[in-house]
Amino acid sequence: MQSYPSIPHVDDAPAGLLESGHLWLQECIDGGQLRFQLRGTGVVRFADARRPFGDEVPWRYRHAVRHVRETLDREALRAAVDDVETVTFVGVSTHRRAVPYDLARLPSVLGVDVWDDDRGEFLPPDEAERVFDRLGLEAVNTFRREVRAADFDPTPDAVPASAWYDGPAAGVVLRTKTGDVATLPNPAVDRDPSFEPLEGDAEAVVERLVPDALVRRVTDGLPASRDPTYDAVFDRVEEELWRAHHGRLAHHDTDVDPGAVSAAVGRRVGDWLAGRS
């Protein structure tokens, strides 16, 4: 699977990025890097920024892995390339870090880049956007397309509001169709996560962090063709809990056991489903 290079600050941008040509301005999302690749067997292989995932996917990434597995149009990809293993997809897993996105609206994964072995390069942003759309995945939002580089002022004032919460974007990623890329961070947005430990037993934690609205959203998001099963709701509610609160659940000062939390989620889901019948 292709590795993904770090994106330089605009002050260290490739020579000429801001001098000529045109820029795509995309939202910089505060999340975790997720790389994935369809194998010839039909299995999707996943990795973060450093290493492939084994049998145990980190909890904060499980919602994103499920989303890709359930959404990726494998047949469309097979029809588009001779060998599916020549393509590596790079996205953002939108688990909670520092920026308080509206997770109810924010997709579990936003596509960022597509690597093509045959070309030996990442696709231009317009092509990557079309690829993600064709495969059923949402690409990261683009604020503006084809902005004259010479007219762009790379200052914090150029960072617009986020598409995913009521606040400013964490930054802007500047891209050209020739592969140059840089990031313009927003100094007004603190991107250093600061997690507080959880207090109380598992039942109290789940009572606070798994409201009816979350269980209802998960249930409503299941296929309408069949009644929601306990297992389907439980798995997704637990994944959403870790998506939003992994930093607190895994905090070194949090005493509650993850297994006890899982059991409490199970009881919470069971009670909620029983109340619907």
Protein backbone atom coordinates (compact mmCIF):
# COMPACT_ATOMS: atom_id res chain seq x y z
CA MET A 1 0.00 0.00 0.00
CA GLN A 2 1.34 3.41 -0.96
CA SER A 3 2.56 5.61 1.90
CA TYR A 4 1.31 9.18 2.14
CA PRO A 5 3.80 12.03 2.54
CA SER A 6 3.22 14.77 5.08
CA ILE A 7 1.84 17.99 3.61
CA PRO A 8 4.15 20.99 4.10
CA HIS A 9 3.11 24.30 5.61
CA VAL A 10 2.42 26.98 3.02
CA ASP A 11 5.62 28.74 4.14
CA ASP A 12 7.52 25.66 2.95
CA ALA A 13 5.38 25.12 -0.16
CA PRO A 14 6.89 23.78 -3.36
CA ALA A 15 8.54 26.46 -5.43
CA GLY A 16 6.05 28.19 -7.71
CA LEU A 17 2.90 26.90 -5.96
CA LEU A 18 1.68 30.44 -5.31
CA GLU A 19 3.23 32.09 -8.33
CA SER A 20 1.38 30.67 -11.31
CA GLY A 21 -1.33 28.24 -12.30
CA HIS A 22 -4.53 27.54 -10.39
CA LEU A 23 -5.36 26.20 -6.94
CA TRP A 24 -8.00 23.99 -5.44
CA LEU A 25 -8.84 25.08 -1.88
CA GLN A 26 -10.04 22.18 0.28
CA GLU A 27 -10.97 22.02 3.94
CA CYS A 28 -8.29 20.68 6.26
CA ILE A 29 -10.11 18.14 8.44
CA ASP A 30 -8.95 17.42 11.98
CA GLY A 31 -9.04 13.63 12.01
CA GLY A 32 -6.90 10.54 11.52
CA GLN A 33 -5.32 9.43 8.27
CA LEU A 34 -6.93 6.32 6.81
CA ARG A 35 -5.40 4.51 3.82
CA PHE A 36 -7.19 1.63 2.14
CA GLN A 37 -6.75 -0.67 -0.82
CA LEU A 38 -8.97 -3.30 -2.41
CA ARG A 39 -7.17 -6.62 -2.71
CA GLY A 40 -7.70 -9.02 -5.58
CA THR A 41 -9.58 -11.28 -3.17
CA GLY A 42 -12.21 -8.59 -2.58
CA VAL A 43 -10.99 -7.86 0.95
CA VAL A 44 -10.21 -4.22 1.78
CA ARG A 45 -6.88 -3.62 3.47
CA PHE A 46 -6.61 -0.65 5.87
CA ALA A 47 -3.82 1.39 7.44
CA ASP A 48 -3.30 4.59 9.36
CA ALA A 49 -0.45 7.01 8.69
CA ARG A 50 2.17 4.58 10.01
CA ARG A 51 1.21 0.96 9.53
CA PRO A 52 -1.43 -1.46 8.20
CA PHE A 53 -4.12 -2.63 10.58
CA GLY A 54 -4.06 -6.26 11.62
CA ASP A 55 -7.03 -8.26 12.77
CA GLU A 56 -7.71 -5.73 15.52
CA VAL A 57 -8.71 -2.33 14.12
CA PRO A 58 -8.07 0.49 16.63
CA TRP A 59 -11.34 1.45 18.27
CA ARG A 60 -11.33 5.04 17.03
CA TYR A 61 -11.08 3.80 13.43
CA ARG A 62 -13.77 1.10 13.52
CA HIS A 63 -16.60 3.37 12.41
CA ALA A 64 -14.49 4.44 9.41
CA VAL A 65 -13.49 0.90 8.45
CA ARG A 66 -17.10 -0.24 8.57
CA HIS A 67 -18.14 2.74 6.44
CA VAL A 68 -15.64 1.92 3.70
CA ARG A 69 -16.45 -1.80 3.76
CA GLU A 70 -20.17 -1.14 3.43
CA THR A 71 -19.96 1.77 0.96
CA LEU A 72 -17.08 1.09 -1.42
CA ASP A 73 -18.40 0.02 -4.82
CA ARG A 74 -15.99 -2.81 -5.55
CA GLU A 75 -17.46 -3.61 -8.95
CA ALA A 76 -17.09 -0.02 -10.13
CA LEU A 77 -13.43 -0.10 -9.11
CA ARG A 78 -12.80 -3.43 -10.82
CA ALA A 79 -14.39 -2.05 -13.98
CA ALA A 80 -12.18 1.04 -13.90
CA VAL A 81 -8.73 -0.54 -13.50
CA ASP A 82 -7.01 -3.72 -14.65
CA ASP A 83 -5.56 -4.43 -11.22
CA VAL A 84 -7.32 -3.04 -8.13
CA GLU A 85 -4.16 -3.40 -6.06
CA THR A 86 -2.47 -0.65 -8.08
CA VAL A 87 -4.71 1.93 -6.40
CA THR A 88 -4.34 3.28 -2.87
CA PHE A 89 -6.99 5.56 -1.40
CA VAL A 90 -6.20 8.14 1.25
CA GLY A 91 -8.92 9.60 3.43
CA VAL A 92 -9.63 11.10 6.82
CA SER A 93 -11.25 9.06 9.57
CA THR A 94 -13.43 11.62 11.28
CA HIS A 95 -13.06 10.56 14.89
CA ARG A 96 -13.01 13.31 17.49
CA ARG A 97 -9.73 15.05 18.09
CA ALA A 98 -9.72 18.76 18.95
CA VAL A 99 -12.22 20.37 16.57
CA PRO A 100 -15.86 19.87 17.69
CA TYR A 101 -17.38 18.76 14.39
CA ASP A 102 -21.04 17.79 14.18
CA LEU A 103 -20.47 14.05 13.97
CA ALA A 104 -24.12 13.43 13.16
CA ARG A 105 -23.59 15.19 9.81
CA LEU A 106 -19.95 14.42 9.17
CA PRO A 107 -19.30 11.25 7.14
CA SER A 108 -17.15 8.64 8.85
CA VAL A 109 -14.61 8.99 6.02
CA LEU A 110 -13.79 11.84 3.67
CA GLY A 111 -11.66 11.03 0.63
CA VAL A 112 -8.50 13.06 0.20
CA ASP A 113 -6.21 11.50 -2.42
CA VAL A 114 -5.91 8.58 -4.83
CA TRP A 115 -2.57 7.00 -5.74
CA ASP A 116 -2.23 5.27 -9.12
CA ASP A 117 0.71 2.86 -9.44
CA ASP A 118 0.48 2.90 -13.22
CA ARG A 119 0.99 6.65 -13.33
CA GLY A 120 3.36 6.67 -10.39
CA GLU A 121 1.58 9.65 -8.86
CA PHE A 122 -1.48 10.89 -7.02
CA LEU A 123 -4.42 11.89 -9.19
CA PRO A 124 -5.23 15.58 -9.71
CA PRO A 125 -7.89 16.83 -7.27
CA ASP A 126 -10.70 16.93 -9.85
CA GLU A 127 -10.02 13.33 -10.90
CA ALA A 128 -9.76 12.14 -7.29
CA GLU A 129 -13.06 13.79 -6.48
CA ARG A 130 -14.76 11.99 -9.38
CA VAL A 131 -13.23 8.66 -8.37
CA PHE A 132 -14.52 8.90 -4.79
CA ASP A 133 -17.96 9.88 -6.06
CA ARG A 134 -18.03 6.98 -8.53
CA LEU A 135 -17.11 4.53 -5.78
CA GLY A 136 -19.80 5.80 -3.41
CA LEU A 137 -17.53 7.68 -1.01
CA GLU A 138 -17.64 11.38 -0.21
CA ALA A 139 -14.56 13.45 -0.98
CA VAL A 140 -13.32 16.18 1.32
CA ASN A 141 -15.18 19.41 0.61
CA THR A 142 -13.65 21.94 -1.74
CA PHE A 143 -14.14 25.59 -0.86
CA ARG A 144 -13.08 26.96 -4.25
CA ARG A 145 -11.80 25.52 -7.52
CA GLU A 146 -9.37 26.92 -10.08
CA VAL A 147 -8.31 29.97 -8.06
CA ARG A 148 -5.51 31.90 -9.73
CA ALA A 149 -2.46 31.21 -7.57
CA ALA A 150 -1.13 34.72 -8.09
CA ASP A 151 -4.37 36.15 -6.66
CA PHE A 152 -4.44 33.99 -3.53
CA ASP A 153 -3.36 35.64 -0.26
CA PRO A 154 -2.00 32.87 2.02
CA THR A 155 -2.97 34.46 5.34
CA PRO A 156 -5.33 33.22 8.07
CA ASP A 157 -7.98 35.58 6.70
CA ALA A 158 -8.23 33.25 3.71
CA VAL A 159 -9.54 30.38 5.87
CA PRO A 160 -13.35 30.17 5.61
CA ALA A 161 -15.90 28.61 7.93
CA SER A 162 -15.98 24.84 8.23
CA ALA A 163 -18.60 22.86 6.37
CA TRP A 164 -18.95 20.50 9.35
CA TYR A 165 -19.63 22.61 12.43
CA ASP A 166 -20.51 26.15 13.40
CA GLY A 167 -16.97 27.47 13.47
CA PRO A 168 -13.88 28.17 11.39
CA ALA A 169 -12.08 25.50 9.41
CA ALA A 170 -8.89 24.12 10.92
CA GLY A 171 -7.14 25.23 7.77
CA VAL A 172 -7.07 25.06 4.00
CA VAL A 173 -5.23 22.53 1.86
CA LEU A 174 -3.94 24.09 -1.37
CA ARG A 175 -3.62 21.75 -4.36
CA THR A 176 -2.66 22.05 -7.99
CA LYS A 177 -3.45 19.63 -10.80
CA THR A 178 0.28 19.03 -11.21
CA GLY A 179 0.58 17.51 -7.73
CA ASP A 180 1.90 20.38 -5.64
CA VAL A 181 0.23 20.68 -2.24
CA ALA A 182 0.57 22.73 0.94
CA THR A 183 -1.52 23.51 3.98
CA LEU A 184 -2.55 26.86 5.42
CA PRO A 185 -3.42 26.24 9.10
CA ASN A 186 -5.84 28.45 10.96
CA PRO A 187 -4.14 29.77 14.13
CA ALA A 188 -7.57 30.54 15.57
CA VAL A 189 -8.33 26.81 15.80
CA ASP A 190 -6.56 24.77 18.48
CA ARG A 191 -5.72 21.36 17.00
CA ASP A 192 -3.98 19.96 20.07
CA PRO A 193 -6.39 17.42 21.60
CA SER A 194 -6.96 17.74 25.32
CA PHE A 195 -9.02 14.90 26.76
CA GLU A 196 -10.40 14.71 30.27
CA PRO A 197 -10.64 11.29 31.96
CA LEU A 198 -14.04 9.74 32.56
CA GLU A 199 -15.44 9.35 36.05
CA GLY A 200 -18.00 6.91 37.37
CA ASP A 201 -18.79 3.31 36.61
CA ALA A 202 -19.60 1.94 33.16
CA GLU A 203 -23.35 2.37 33.59
CA ALA A 204 -22.95 6.04 34.49
CA VAL A 205 -20.54 6.66 31.62
CA VAL A 206 -22.86 5.09 29.05
CA GLU A 207 -25.87 6.90 30.52
CA ARG A 208 -24.08 10.21 29.88
CA LEU A 209 -22.44 9.45 26.54
CA VAL A 210 -25.05 7.32 24.77
CA PRO A 211 -28.23 9.43 24.63
CA ASP A 212 -31.44 8.37 22.92
CA ALA A 213 -30.58 10.66 19.99
CA LEU A 214 -27.45 8.64 19.22
CA VAL A 215 -29.21 5.27 19.33
CA ARG A 216 -32.04 6.67 17.21
CA ARG A 217 -29.62 8.10 14.64
CA VAL A 218 -27.80 4.79 14.35
CA THR A 219 -31.05 2.86 14.04
CA ASP A 220 -32.47 5.25 11.46
CA GLY A 221 -29.28 4.92 9.43
CA LEU A 222 -29.69 1.17 8.97
CA PRO A 223 -31.25 -0.18 5.74
CA ALA A 224 -34.97 0.44 5.71
CA SER A 225 -35.64 -2.94 4.14
CA ARG A 226 -35.47 -4.80 7.42
CA ASP A 227 -36.10 -4.24 11.11
CA PRO A 228 -32.97 -3.26 13.03
CA THR A 229 -31.35 -6.18 14.82
CA TYR A 230 -29.77 -5.91 18.23
CA ASP A 231 -26.32 -6.83 16.90
CA ALA A 232 -26.45 -4.25 14.09
CA VAL A 233 -27.47 -1.43 16.43
CA PHE A 234 -25.09 -2.47 19.20
CA ASP A 235 -22.03 -2.63 16.95
CA ARG A 236 -22.66 0.78 15.44
CA VAL A 237 -23.56 2.50 18.71
CA GLU A 238 -20.37 1.20 20.31
CA GLU A 239 -18.32 2.39 17.33
CA GLU A 240 -19.93 5.84 17.48
CA LEU A 241 -19.23 6.03 21.20
CA TRP A 242 -15.52 5.42 20.56
CA ARG A 243 -15.55 7.74 17.56
CA ALA A 244 -16.69 10.63 19.72
CA HIS A 245 -15.00 9.80 23.03
CA HIS A 246 -11.97 7.57 22.34
CA GLY A 247 -9.64 10.10 23.95
CA ARG A 248 -11.57 9.94 27.23
CA LEU A 249 -12.29 6.21 27.16
CA ALA A 250 -8.61 5.39 26.59
CA HIS A 251 -7.30 8.08 28.96
CA HIS A 252 -4.71 6.75 31.41
CA ASP A 253 -6.71 8.21 34.31
CA THR A 254 -10.01 6.64 33.24
CA ASP A 255 -10.69 3.67 35.50
CA VAL A 256 -13.70 2.22 33.76
CA ASP A 257 -12.99 -1.03 31.93
CA PRO A 258 -13.71 -1.09 28.15
CA GLY A 259 -15.35 -4.49 28.56
CA ALA A 260 -17.71 -3.09 31.18
CA VAL A 261 -18.48 -0.17 28.89
CA SER A 262 -19.29 -2.59 26.08
CA ALA A 263 -21.64 -4.55 28.33
CA ALA A 264 -23.35 -1.33 29.44
CA VAL A 265 -23.80 -0.27 25.82
CA GLY A 266 -25.40 -3.65 25.15
CA ARG A 267 -27.88 -3.16 27.97
CA ARG A 268 -28.59 0.40 26.82
CA VAL A 269 -29.31 -0.74 23.26
CA GLY A 270 -31.41 -3.68 24.45
CA ASP A 271 -33.55 -1.43 26.64
CA TRP A 272 -33.96 1.10 23.84
CA LEU A 273 -35.03 -1.49 21.29
CA ALA A 274 -37.41 -3.07 23.78
CA GLY A 275 -39.02 0.33 24.30
CA ARG A 276 -39.69 0.61 20.55
CA SER A 277 -41.60 -2.65 20.32
